[in-house]
């Protein structure tokens, strides 16, 4: 059985994930100020147990988890679009987790996109005319 405090925190987190401001969360859920709403959201994020230490990354991971939860049943039934979205969510989660483990906060290029780009250009001749080599001879 969840306590009223836990329910309030859960509602605050839900609104935060939907993009609400702390002022609007405080008003909607019944906190005295935006700092109370902020504290509740932080505690709710901590309760989720994400491995990321940064609030922005934790929030994005929680949003992705919520999206994944909604798409998973369709993906399991073979809905191709849902499968595609689930895979994209997985890629984004991996990217965020990598940023978190490196301590990066700014938006980074998806490492899977970088790998795909390298694979696409691997067989093309470079400035030296040799496929897959560098002009320096490496």
N, C-alpha and C. Protein backbone atom coordinates (compact mmCIF):
# COMPACT_ATOMS: atom_id res chain seq x y z
N UNK A 1 0.84 -1.17 0.00
CA UNK A 1 0.00 0.00 0.00
C UNK A 1 0.89 1.24 0.00
N UNK A 2 0.62 2.16 -0.92
CA UNK A 2 1.43 3.37 -1.00
C UNK A 2 0.87 4.46 -0.10
N UNK A 3 1.79 5.24 0.44
CA UNK A 3 1.38 6.33 1.33
C UNK A 3 0.94 7.54 0.50
N UNK A 4 0.19 8.46 1.11
CA UNK A 4 -0.20 9.69 0.41
C UNK A 4 1.02 10.49 -0.07
N UNK A 5 2.11 10.45 0.71
CA UNK A 5 3.34 11.15 0.31
C UNK A 5 3.90 10.53 -0.95
N UNK A 6 3.95 9.19 -1.02
CA UNK A 6 4.44 8.50 -2.20
C UNK A 6 3.57 8.80 -3.41
N UNK A 7 2.27 8.84 -3.22
CA UNK A 7 1.35 9.14 -4.32
C UNK A 7 1.56 10.57 -4.83
N UNK A 8 1.80 11.49 -3.90
CA UNK A 8 2.05 12.87 -4.26
C UNK A 8 3.35 12.99 -5.07
N UNK A 9 4.37 12.30 -4.59
CA UNK A 9 5.66 12.28 -5.31
C UNK A 9 5.50 11.69 -6.70
N UNK A 10 4.76 10.59 -6.79
CA UNK A 10 4.55 9.95 -8.08
C UNK A 10 3.84 10.89 -9.05
N UNK A 11 2.85 11.61 -8.56
CA UNK A 11 2.13 12.57 -9.40
C UNK A 11 3.06 13.70 -9.83
N UNK A 12 3.90 14.18 -8.89
CA UNK A 12 4.86 15.24 -9.21
C UNK A 12 5.83 14.76 -10.30
N UNK A 13 6.31 13.53 -10.17
CA UNK A 13 7.22 12.98 -11.18
C UNK A 13 6.52 12.85 -12.52
N UNK A 14 5.31 12.35 -12.51
CA UNK A 14 4.55 12.20 -13.75
C UNK A 14 4.42 13.55 -14.47
N UNK A 15 4.09 14.59 -13.73
CA UNK A 15 3.96 15.93 -14.33
C UNK A 15 5.31 16.43 -14.83
N UNK A 16 6.37 16.17 -14.06
CA UNK A 16 7.72 16.58 -14.47
C UNK A 16 8.11 15.91 -15.78
N UNK A 17 7.85 14.62 -15.87
CA UNK A 17 8.19 13.88 -17.09
C UNK A 17 7.40 14.37 -18.29
N UNK A 18 6.22 14.89 -18.01
CA UNK A 18 5.40 15.43 -19.10
C UNK A 18 5.83 16.84 -19.48
N UNK A 19 6.79 17.40 -18.75
CA UNK A 19 7.33 18.71 -19.11
C UNK A 19 6.79 19.87 -18.29
N UNK A 20 6.03 19.60 -17.23
CA UNK A 20 5.47 20.68 -16.41
C UNK A 20 6.58 21.39 -15.64
N UNK A 21 6.37 22.68 -15.38
CA UNK A 21 7.31 23.45 -14.56
C UNK A 21 7.10 23.09 -13.10
N UNK A 22 8.12 23.38 -12.29
CA UNK A 22 7.99 23.10 -10.86
C UNK A 22 6.88 23.95 -10.23
N UNK A 23 6.69 25.18 -10.72
CA UNK A 23 5.59 26.00 -10.22
C UNK A 23 4.25 25.33 -10.48
N UNK A 24 4.06 24.84 -11.71
CA UNK A 24 2.77 24.22 -12.03
C UNK A 24 2.60 22.89 -11.30
N UNK A 25 3.70 22.18 -11.06
CA UNK A 25 3.63 20.93 -10.29
C UNK A 25 3.20 21.24 -8.86
N UNK A 26 3.82 22.27 -8.27
CA UNK A 26 3.48 22.65 -6.90
C UNK A 26 2.00 22.99 -6.80
N UNK A 27 1.51 23.73 -7.75
CA UNK A 27 0.10 24.13 -7.74
C UNK A 27 -0.82 22.93 -7.93
N UNK A 28 -0.49 22.06 -8.89
CA UNK A 28 -1.36 20.93 -9.21
C UNK A 28 -1.39 19.86 -8.12
N UNK A 29 -0.25 19.64 -7.49
CA UNK A 29 -0.14 18.54 -6.53
C UNK A 29 -0.35 19.00 -5.09
N UNK A 30 -0.13 20.29 -4.84
CA UNK A 30 -0.37 20.81 -3.50
C UNK A 30 0.86 21.07 -2.68
N UNK A 31 1.98 21.35 -3.32
CA UNK A 31 3.19 21.74 -2.58
C UNK A 31 3.14 23.25 -2.35
N UNK A 32 3.75 23.71 -1.26
CA UNK A 32 3.72 25.13 -0.90
C UNK A 32 4.49 26.00 -1.88
N UNK A 33 5.52 25.42 -2.50
CA UNK A 33 6.35 26.21 -3.41
C UNK A 33 6.97 25.31 -4.48
N UNK A 34 7.61 25.97 -5.44
CA UNK A 34 8.27 25.18 -6.48
C UNK A 34 9.44 24.39 -5.90
N UNK A 35 10.05 24.87 -4.81
CA UNK A 35 11.15 24.11 -4.21
C UNK A 35 10.65 22.80 -3.60
N UNK A 36 9.44 22.82 -3.06
CA UNK A 36 8.85 21.58 -2.54
C UNK A 36 8.58 20.59 -3.66
N UNK A 37 8.10 21.10 -4.79
CA UNK A 37 7.86 20.24 -5.95
C UNK A 37 9.18 19.69 -6.48
N UNK A 38 10.20 20.53 -6.52
CA UNK A 38 11.52 20.10 -7.00
C UNK A 38 12.07 18.99 -6.11
N UNK A 39 11.96 19.18 -4.80
CA UNK A 39 12.44 18.17 -3.86
C UNK A 39 11.69 16.85 -4.05
N UNK A 40 10.38 16.92 -4.23
CA UNK A 40 9.58 15.71 -4.43
C UNK A 40 9.99 14.97 -5.71
N UNK A 41 10.22 15.72 -6.77
CA UNK A 41 10.63 15.11 -8.04
C UNK A 41 12.00 14.45 -7.86
N UNK A 42 12.93 15.15 -7.19
CA UNK A 42 14.26 14.57 -6.96
C UNK A 42 14.18 13.28 -6.17
N UNK A 43 13.35 13.26 -5.14
CA UNK A 43 13.20 12.05 -4.33
C UNK A 43 12.58 10.92 -5.15
N UNK A 44 11.62 11.26 -6.00
CA UNK A 44 10.98 10.25 -6.85
C UNK A 44 11.99 9.69 -7.84
N UNK A 45 12.83 10.56 -8.40
CA UNK A 45 13.86 10.08 -9.33
C UNK A 45 14.86 9.19 -8.61
N UNK A 46 15.23 9.58 -7.40
CA UNK A 46 16.15 8.75 -6.60
C UNK A 46 15.54 7.38 -6.33
N UNK A 47 14.23 7.35 -6.07
CA UNK A 47 13.54 6.08 -5.80
C UNK A 47 13.52 5.16 -7.01
N UNK A 48 13.62 5.74 -8.21
CA UNK A 48 13.60 4.91 -9.42
C UNK A 48 14.84 4.05 -9.52
N UNK A 49 15.92 4.49 -8.91
CA UNK A 49 17.14 3.68 -8.91
C UNK A 49 17.89 3.70 -10.22
N UNK A 50 17.74 4.74 -11.02
CA UNK A 50 18.52 4.83 -12.26
C UNK A 50 20.00 4.91 -11.93
N UNK A 51 20.83 4.48 -12.85
CA UNK A 51 22.26 4.47 -12.62
C UNK A 51 22.89 5.81 -12.94
N UNK A 52 22.14 6.70 -13.57
CA UNK A 52 22.66 8.02 -13.91
C UNK A 52 22.66 8.89 -12.67
N UNK A 53 23.63 9.77 -12.57
CA UNK A 53 23.70 10.64 -11.40
C UNK A 53 23.20 12.04 -11.69
N UNK A 54 23.03 12.40 -12.92
CA UNK A 54 22.61 13.74 -13.28
C UNK A 54 21.09 13.80 -13.45
N UNK A 55 20.48 14.85 -12.90
CA UNK A 55 19.03 15.00 -12.96
C UNK A 55 18.49 14.96 -14.38
N UNK A 56 19.17 15.62 -15.30
CA UNK A 56 18.69 15.67 -16.68
C UNK A 56 18.69 14.26 -17.28
N UNK A 57 19.75 13.54 -17.05
CA UNK A 57 19.85 12.19 -17.60
C UNK A 57 18.84 11.28 -16.92
N UNK A 58 18.69 11.40 -15.61
CA UNK A 58 17.70 10.59 -14.90
C UNK A 58 16.30 10.85 -15.43
N UNK A 59 16.00 12.12 -15.66
CA UNK A 59 14.68 12.47 -16.17
C UNK A 59 14.45 11.87 -17.54
N UNK A 60 15.43 11.99 -18.41
CA UNK A 60 15.29 11.44 -19.76
C UNK A 60 15.16 9.92 -19.72
N UNK A 61 15.91 9.27 -18.86
CA UNK A 61 15.80 7.81 -18.74
C UNK A 61 14.41 7.42 -18.26
N UNK A 62 13.88 8.16 -17.31
CA UNK A 62 12.53 7.87 -16.81
C UNK A 62 11.49 8.08 -17.92
N UNK A 63 11.67 9.13 -18.72
CA UNK A 63 10.74 9.37 -19.83
C UNK A 63 10.81 8.22 -20.83
N UNK A 64 12.02 7.81 -21.15
CA UNK A 64 12.18 6.69 -22.09
C UNK A 64 11.57 5.42 -21.54
N UNK A 65 11.76 5.17 -20.25
CA UNK A 65 11.16 3.99 -19.63
C UNK A 65 9.64 4.03 -19.73
N UNK A 66 9.06 5.21 -19.51
CA UNK A 66 7.60 5.34 -19.60
C UNK A 66 7.13 5.07 -21.03
N UNK A 67 7.87 5.59 -22.01
CA UNK A 67 7.50 5.34 -23.42
C UNK A 67 7.63 3.86 -23.76
N UNK A 68 8.70 3.26 -23.29
CA UNK A 68 8.93 1.84 -23.55
C UNK A 68 7.82 0.98 -22.97
N UNK A 69 7.40 1.32 -21.77
CA UNK A 69 6.30 0.58 -21.12
C UNK A 69 5.04 0.62 -21.98
N UNK A 70 4.76 1.78 -22.56
CA UNK A 70 3.57 1.90 -23.39
C UNK A 70 3.69 1.18 -24.72
N UNK A 71 4.89 1.10 -25.27
CA UNK A 71 5.08 0.47 -26.58
C UNK A 71 5.31 -1.04 -26.52
N UNK A 72 5.80 -1.51 -25.40
CA UNK A 72 6.21 -2.91 -25.30
C UNK A 72 5.13 -3.92 -25.71
N UNK A 73 3.88 -3.78 -25.24
CA UNK A 73 2.87 -4.77 -25.65
C UNK A 73 2.67 -4.84 -27.16
N UNK A 74 2.66 -3.70 -27.83
CA UNK A 74 2.51 -3.69 -29.28
C UNK A 74 3.72 -4.32 -29.97
N UNK A 75 4.91 -4.00 -29.46
CA UNK A 75 6.12 -4.56 -30.05
C UNK A 75 6.14 -6.08 -29.91
N UNK A 76 5.71 -6.59 -28.77
CA UNK A 76 5.68 -8.04 -28.56
C UNK A 76 4.68 -8.73 -29.48
N UNK A 77 3.63 -7.99 -29.89
CA UNK A 77 2.64 -8.58 -30.82
C UNK A 77 3.11 -8.47 -32.27
N UNK A 78 4.27 -7.86 -32.49
CA UNK A 78 4.82 -7.79 -33.84
C UNK A 78 4.54 -6.52 -34.60
N UNK A 79 4.00 -5.50 -33.97
CA UNK A 79 3.77 -4.22 -34.63
C UNK A 79 5.13 -3.64 -35.02
N UNK A 80 5.38 -3.57 -36.32
CA UNK A 80 6.69 -3.18 -36.84
C UNK A 80 7.07 -1.76 -36.40
N UNK A 81 6.13 -0.85 -36.43
CA UNK A 81 6.43 0.52 -35.99
C UNK A 81 6.79 0.56 -34.51
N UNK A 82 6.08 -0.21 -33.71
CA UNK A 82 6.38 -0.26 -32.27
C UNK A 82 7.76 -0.87 -32.04
N UNK A 83 8.09 -1.92 -32.79
CA UNK A 83 9.41 -2.54 -32.67
C UNK A 83 10.49 -1.52 -33.00
N UNK A 84 10.27 -0.76 -34.07
CA UNK A 84 11.23 0.27 -34.47
C UNK A 84 11.42 1.29 -33.35
N UNK A 85 10.34 1.74 -32.76
CA UNK A 85 10.41 2.73 -31.67
C UNK A 85 11.11 2.14 -30.45
N UNK A 86 10.82 0.88 -30.13
CA UNK A 86 11.47 0.22 -28.99
C UNK A 86 12.98 0.18 -29.21
N UNK A 87 13.39 -0.15 -30.42
CA UNK A 87 14.82 -0.18 -30.73
C UNK A 87 15.45 1.20 -30.61
N UNK A 88 14.75 2.21 -31.10
CA UNK A 88 15.25 3.59 -30.99
C UNK A 88 15.37 4.01 -29.53
N UNK A 89 14.39 3.64 -28.74
CA UNK A 89 14.44 3.97 -27.31
C UNK A 89 15.65 3.28 -26.67
N UNK A 90 15.89 2.03 -27.05
CA UNK A 90 17.05 1.31 -26.53
C UNK A 90 18.36 1.99 -26.90
N UNK A 91 18.44 2.46 -28.14
CA UNK A 91 19.64 3.18 -28.58
C UNK A 91 19.83 4.46 -27.77
N UNK A 92 18.77 5.18 -27.58
CA UNK A 92 18.84 6.44 -26.83
C UNK A 92 19.21 6.18 -25.36
N UNK A 93 18.65 5.13 -24.77
CA UNK A 93 18.98 4.77 -23.39
C UNK A 93 20.48 4.45 -23.28
N UNK A 94 20.98 3.69 -24.24
CA UNK A 94 22.41 3.32 -24.23
C UNK A 94 23.28 4.56 -24.31
N UNK A 95 22.89 5.47 -25.16
CA UNK A 95 23.64 6.71 -25.32
C UNK A 95 23.63 7.52 -24.02
N UNK A 96 22.47 7.64 -23.40
CA UNK A 96 22.37 8.39 -22.15
C UNK A 96 23.17 7.71 -21.04
N UNK A 97 23.11 6.40 -20.98
CA UNK A 97 23.85 5.68 -19.95
C UNK A 97 25.36 5.86 -20.16
N UNK A 98 25.80 5.87 -21.41
CA UNK A 98 27.22 6.09 -21.70
C UNK A 98 27.63 7.49 -21.28
N UNK A 99 26.78 8.48 -21.57
CA UNK A 99 27.08 9.85 -21.14
C UNK A 99 27.16 9.92 -19.63
N UNK A 100 26.25 9.25 -18.97
CA UNK A 100 26.22 9.26 -17.51
C UNK A 100 27.49 8.65 -16.94
N UNK A 101 27.94 7.55 -17.52
CA UNK A 101 29.13 6.88 -16.99
C UNK A 101 30.39 7.70 -17.25
N UNK A 102 30.36 8.55 -18.27
CA UNK A 102 31.50 9.43 -18.55
C UNK A 102 31.35 10.78 -17.85
N UNK A 103 30.18 11.01 -17.22
CA UNK A 103 29.95 12.26 -16.52
C UNK A 103 29.61 13.41 -17.44
N UNK A 104 29.18 13.13 -18.65
CA UNK A 104 28.83 14.18 -19.59
C UNK A 104 27.39 14.60 -19.38
N UNK A 105 27.13 15.90 -19.47
CA UNK A 105 25.78 16.40 -19.31
C UNK A 105 25.24 16.90 -20.64
N UNK A 106 26.10 17.51 -21.44
CA UNK A 106 25.61 18.07 -22.69
C UNK A 106 25.14 16.98 -23.64
N UNK A 107 24.32 17.37 -24.59
CA UNK A 107 23.79 16.43 -25.59
C UNK A 107 24.94 15.93 -26.44
N UNK A 108 25.10 14.65 -26.52
CA UNK A 108 26.18 14.06 -27.31
C UNK A 108 25.60 13.36 -28.52
N UNK A 109 26.43 13.22 -29.54
CA UNK A 109 26.00 12.47 -30.71
C UNK A 109 25.81 11.01 -30.31
N UNK A 110 24.79 10.39 -30.84
CA UNK A 110 24.52 8.99 -30.53
C UNK A 110 25.69 8.15 -31.01
N UNK A 111 26.35 7.39 -30.12
CA UNK A 111 27.49 6.59 -30.54
C UNK A 111 27.13 5.54 -31.59
N UNK A 112 25.88 5.09 -31.60
CA UNK A 112 25.48 4.12 -32.62
C UNK A 112 25.42 4.78 -34.00
N UNK A 113 25.02 6.06 -34.05
CA UNK A 113 25.04 6.79 -35.32
C UNK A 113 26.46 6.94 -35.82
N UNK A 114 27.38 7.23 -34.91
CA UNK A 114 28.79 7.37 -35.26
C UNK A 114 29.33 6.05 -35.84
N UNK A 115 29.02 4.93 -35.20
CA UNK A 115 29.46 3.63 -35.66
C UNK A 115 28.90 3.33 -37.05
N UNK A 116 27.61 3.61 -37.25
CA UNK A 116 26.99 3.37 -38.56
C UNK A 116 27.65 4.22 -39.63
N UNK A 117 27.98 5.45 -39.30
CA UNK A 117 28.64 6.34 -40.25
C UNK A 117 30.00 5.79 -40.64
N UNK A 118 30.74 5.29 -39.65
CA UNK A 118 32.06 4.71 -39.93
C UNK A 118 31.94 3.49 -40.84
N UNK A 119 30.93 2.66 -40.58
CA UNK A 119 30.74 1.47 -41.41
C UNK A 119 30.38 1.82 -42.84
N UNK A 120 29.55 2.87 -43.00
CA UNK A 120 29.15 3.27 -44.36
C UNK A 120 30.32 3.77 -45.17
N UNK A 121 31.28 4.44 -44.52
CA UNK A 121 32.40 5.03 -45.25
C UNK A 121 33.63 4.14 -45.27
N UNK A 122 33.60 3.01 -44.57
CA UNK A 122 34.79 2.15 -44.46
C UNK A 122 35.29 1.64 -45.80
N UNK A 123 34.42 1.35 -46.72
CA UNK A 123 34.85 0.78 -47.98
C UNK A 123 35.09 1.81 -49.07
N UNK A 124 34.87 3.08 -48.77
CA UNK A 124 35.05 4.13 -49.77
C UNK A 124 36.50 4.58 -49.82
N UNK A 125 36.99 4.87 -51.00
CA UNK A 125 38.36 5.38 -51.10
C UNK A 125 38.47 6.75 -50.44
N UNK A 126 39.60 6.98 -49.74
CA UNK A 126 39.82 8.30 -49.16
C UNK A 126 40.70 9.11 -50.11
N UNK A 127 41.29 10.18 -49.61
CA UNK A 127 42.09 11.08 -50.46
C UNK A 127 43.26 10.36 -51.12
N UNK A 128 43.76 9.28 -50.52
CA UNK A 128 44.88 8.55 -51.09
C UNK A 128 44.45 7.60 -52.20
N UNK A 129 43.11 7.40 -52.32
CA UNK A 129 42.59 6.49 -53.34
C UNK A 129 42.49 5.06 -52.87
N UNK A 130 42.86 4.79 -51.59
CA UNK A 130 42.82 3.45 -51.05
C UNK A 130 41.61 3.33 -50.12
N UNK A 131 40.81 2.31 -50.34
CA UNK A 131 39.63 2.12 -49.51
C UNK A 131 40.02 1.83 -48.08
N UNK A 132 39.36 2.53 -47.16
CA UNK A 132 39.51 2.25 -45.74
C UNK A 132 40.82 2.69 -45.13
N UNK A 133 41.67 3.43 -45.87
CA UNK A 133 42.92 3.88 -45.29
C UNK A 133 42.89 5.39 -45.12
N UNK A 134 43.88 5.89 -44.43
CA UNK A 134 44.04 7.32 -44.25
C UNK A 134 45.12 7.80 -45.21
N UNK A 135 45.06 9.06 -45.59
CA UNK A 135 46.03 9.63 -46.50
C UNK A 135 47.45 9.54 -45.91
N UNK A 136 47.55 9.48 -44.57
CA UNK A 136 48.84 9.40 -43.91
C UNK A 136 49.46 8.01 -44.02
N UNK A 137 48.73 7.05 -44.59
CA UNK A 137 49.26 5.71 -44.78
C UNK A 137 48.87 4.74 -43.72
N UNK A 138 48.07 5.15 -42.73
CA UNK A 138 47.64 4.26 -41.66
C UNK A 138 46.53 3.35 -42.11
